[in-house]
C-alpha atoms as a PDB file:
ATOM      1  CA  UNK A   1      63.702  16.252  81.164  1.00  0.00           C
ATOM      2  CA  UNK A   2      61.141  18.867  82.162  1.00  0.00           C
ATOM      3  CA  UNK A   3      57.611  17.835  83.032  1.00  0.00           C
ATOM      4  CA  UNK A   4      54.928  19.699  81.064  1.00  0.00           C
ATOM      5  CA  UNK A   5      51.433  20.217  82.444  1.00  0.00           C
ATOM      6  CA  UNK A   6      48.200  20.819  80.525  1.00  0.00           C
ATOM      7  CA  UNK A   7      49.027  24.500  79.913  1.00  0.00           C
ATOM      8  CA  UNK A   8      51.890  23.731  77.515  1.00  0.00           C
ATOM      9  CA  UNK A   9      50.553  20.387  76.390  1.00  0.00           C
ATOM     10  CA  UNK A  10      49.040  21.303  73.007  1.00  0.00           C
ATOM     11  CA  UNK A  11      51.988  23.345  71.775  1.00  0.00           C
ATOM     12  CA  UNK A  12      54.548  20.649  72.540  1.00  0.00           C
ATOM     13  CA  UNK A  13      52.341  17.762  71.420  1.00  0.00           C
ATOM     14  CA  UNK A  14      52.535  19.147  67.882  1.00  0.00           C
ATOM     15  CA  UNK A  15      56.320  18.645  67.964  1.00  0.00           C
ATOM     16  CA  UNK A  16      55.996  14.918  68.585  1.00  0.00           C
ATOM     17  CA  UNK A  17      55.244  12.854  65.464  1.00  0.00           C
ATOM     18  CA  UNK A  18      52.509  10.215  65.496  1.00  0.00           C
ATOM     19  CA  UNK A  19      53.703   6.650  66.058  1.00  0.00           C
ATOM     20  CA  UNK A  20      53.422   5.682  62.380  1.00  0.00           C
ATOM     21  CA  UNK A  21      55.567   8.705  61.488  1.00  0.00           C
ATOM     22  CA  UNK A  22      58.249   7.572  63.944  1.00  0.00           C
ATOM     23  CA  UNK A  23      58.889   4.250  62.207  1.00  0.00           C
ATOM     24  CA  UNK A  24      61.223   5.643  59.524  1.00  0.00           C
ATOM     25  CA  UNK A  25      63.327   7.674  62.016  1.00  0.00           C
ATOM     26  CA  UNK A  26      63.416   4.584  64.264  1.00  0.00           C
ATOM     27  CA  UNK A  27      64.765   2.504  61.381  1.00  0.00           C
ATOM     28  CA  UNK A  28      67.343   5.187  60.505  1.00  0.00           C
ATOM     29  CA  UNK A  29      68.624   5.314  64.074  1.00  0.00           C
ATOM     30  CA  UNK A  30      68.804   1.533  64.412  1.00  0.00           C
ATOM     31  CA  UNK A  31      70.496   1.219  61.032  1.00  0.00           C
ATOM     32  CA  UNK A  32      73.219   3.686  61.946  1.00  0.00           C
ATOM     33  CA  UNK A  33      73.729   2.791  65.620  1.00  0.00           C
ATOM     34  CA  UNK A  34      71.795  -0.327  66.598  1.00  0.00           C
ATOM     35  CA  UNK A  35      71.174  -2.390  68.538  1.00  0.00           C
ATOM     36  CA  UNK A  36      69.934   0.176  71.043  1.00  0.00           C
ATOM     37  CA  UNK A  37      67.879   0.126  74.216  1.00  0.00           C
ATOM     38  CA  UNK A  38      64.651   2.095  74.657  1.00  0.00           C
ATOM     39  CA  UNK A  39      66.347   5.086  76.319  1.00  0.00           C
ATOM     40  CA  UNK A  40      69.003   5.306  73.605  1.00  0.00           C
ATOM     41  CA  UNK A  41      66.308   5.106  70.924  1.00  0.00           C
ATOM     42  CA  UNK A  42      64.356   7.949  72.558  1.00  0.00           C
ATOM     43  CA  UNK A  43      67.442  10.148  72.709  1.00  0.00           C
ATOM     44  CA  UNK A  44      68.641   9.367  69.176  1.00  0.00           C
ATOM     45  CA  UNK A  45      65.225   9.769  67.539  1.00  0.00           C
ATOM     46  CA  UNK A  46      64.694  12.984  69.514  1.00  0.00           C
ATOM     47  CA  UNK A  47      68.046  14.295  68.285  1.00  0.00           C
ATOM     48  CA  UNK A  48      67.386  13.237  64.687  1.00  0.00           C
ATOM     49  CA  UNK A  49      63.974  14.941  64.642  1.00  0.00           C
ATOM     50  CA  UNK A  50      65.168  17.919  66.714  1.00  0.00           C
ATOM     51  CA  UNK A  51      62.462  17.417  69.326  1.00  0.00           C
ATOM     52  CA  UNK A  52      62.891  19.956  72.098  1.00  0.00           C
ATOM     53  CA  UNK A  53      63.517  18.959  75.702  1.00  0.00           C
ATOM     54  CA  UNK A  54      60.175  20.569  76.587  1.00  0.00           C
ATOM     55  CA  UNK A  55      58.338  18.381  74.060  1.00  0.00           C
ATOM     56  CA  UNK A  56      60.204  15.303  75.353  1.00  0.00           C
ATOM     57  CA  UNK A  57      58.885  16.212  78.795  1.00  0.00           C
ATOM     58  CA  UNK A  58      55.186  15.997  77.898  1.00  0.00           C
ATOM     59  CA  UNK A  59      53.771  13.233  80.076  1.00  0.00           C
ATOM     60  CA  UNK A  60      51.380  10.696  78.562  1.00  0.00           C
ATOM     61  CA  UNK A  61      50.457   9.028  81.842  1.00  0.00           C
ATOM     62  CA  UNK A  62      52.232   8.273  85.090  1.00  0.00           C
ATOM     63  CA  UNK A  63      55.903   8.939  84.468  1.00  0.00           C
ATOM     64  CA  UNK A  64      55.935   7.875  80.801  1.00  0.00           C
ATOM     65  CA  UNK A  65      56.467  10.660  78.288  1.00  0.00           C
ATOM     66  CA  UNK A  66      54.341  11.041  75.168  1.00  0.00           C
ATOM     67  CA  UNK A  67      57.447  10.475  73.034  1.00  0.00           C
ATOM     68  CA  UNK A  68      58.196   7.216  74.875  1.00  0.00           C
ATOM     69  CA  UNK A  69      54.567   6.134  74.434  1.00  0.00           C
ATOM     70  CA  UNK A  70      54.562   6.846  70.702  1.00  0.00           C
ATOM     71  CA  UNK A  71      57.964   5.227  70.211  1.00  0.00           C
ATOM     72  CA  UNK A  72      56.689   2.107  71.981  1.00  0.00           C
ATOM     73  CA  UNK A  73      53.861   1.892  69.438  1.00  0.00           C
ATOM     74  CA  UNK A  74      56.289   2.580  66.587  1.00  0.00           C
ATOM     75  CA  UNK A  75      58.479  -0.302  67.798  1.00  0.00           C
ATOM     76  CA  UNK A  76      55.451  -2.582  68.166  1.00  0.00           C
ATOM     77  CA  UNK A  77      54.253  -1.787  64.639  1.00  0.00           C
ATOM     78  CA  UNK A  78      57.745  -2.094  63.139  1.00  0.00           C
ATOM     79  CA  UNK A  79      58.272  -5.429  64.895  1.00  0.00           C
ATOM     80  CA  UNK A  80      54.928  -6.800  63.673  1.00  0.00           C
ATOM     81  CA  UNK A  81      55.954  -5.883  60.110  1.00  0.00           C
ATOM     82  CA  UNK A  82      59.316  -7.635  60.528  1.00  0.00           C
ATOM     83  CA  UNK A  83      61.299  -4.386  60.271  1.00  0.00           C
ATOM     84  CA  UNK A  84      62.970  -4.662  63.692  1.00  0.00           C
ATOM     85  CA  UNK A  85      63.618  -7.389  66.221  1.00  0.00           C
ATOM     86  CA  UNK A  86      64.456  -7.561  69.894  1.00  0.00           C
ATOM     87  CA  UNK A  87      67.606  -9.613  70.579  1.00  0.00           C
ATOM     88  CA  UNK A  88      67.030  -9.137  74.320  1.00  0.00           C
ATOM     89  CA  UNK A  89      64.585  -7.352  76.601  1.00  0.00           C
ATOM     90  CA  UNK A  90      64.196  -3.631  75.773  1.00  0.00           C
ATOM     91  CA  UNK A  91      66.879  -3.762  73.069  1.00  0.00           C
ATOM     92  CA  UNK A  92      66.140  -3.406  69.375  1.00  0.00           C
ATOM     93  CA  UNK A  93      67.890  -3.868  66.055  1.00  0.00           C
ATOM     94  CA  UNK A  94      66.915  -3.423  62.459  1.00  0.00           C
ATOM     95  CA  UNK A  95      66.282  -6.491  60.287  1.00  0.00           C
ATOM     96  CA  UNK A  96      67.305  -6.995  56.681  1.00  0.00           C
ATOM     97  CA  UNK A  97      63.734  -6.218  55.662  1.00  0.00           C
ATOM     98  CA  UNK A  98      63.919  -3.009  57.679  1.00  0.00           C
ATOM     99  CA  UNK A  99      67.120  -2.034  55.866  1.00  0.00           C
ATOM    100  CA  UNK A 100      65.400  -2.497  52.505  1.00  0.00           C
ATOM    101  CA  UNK A 101      62.623  -0.097  53.622  1.00  0.00           C
ATOM    102  CA  UNK A 102      65.218   2.638  54.107  1.00  0.00           C
ATOM    103  CA  UNK A 103      66.361   2.508  50.485  1.00  0.00           C
END
């Protein structure tokens, strides 16, 4: 994954959906493949949404990418709504309620 500095930041940031817009793709990925760990979720959601490697490389802070940051918030929000659950650390699966939201 390439690291993007401030010069390319704005262009690639537009390719990464906001956290609330990542919930539905998150549910789709977990429904078709889950349970998945955080890395697998990032790769599968990125593939589903056709997010470029350059956009995946935009750093939020430290070594965490913007996509990882937004997916973390999407998971947090989905979990608080009962749409996903974590059977073990850093692994996620869709709940029955989450499956109904996909219909």
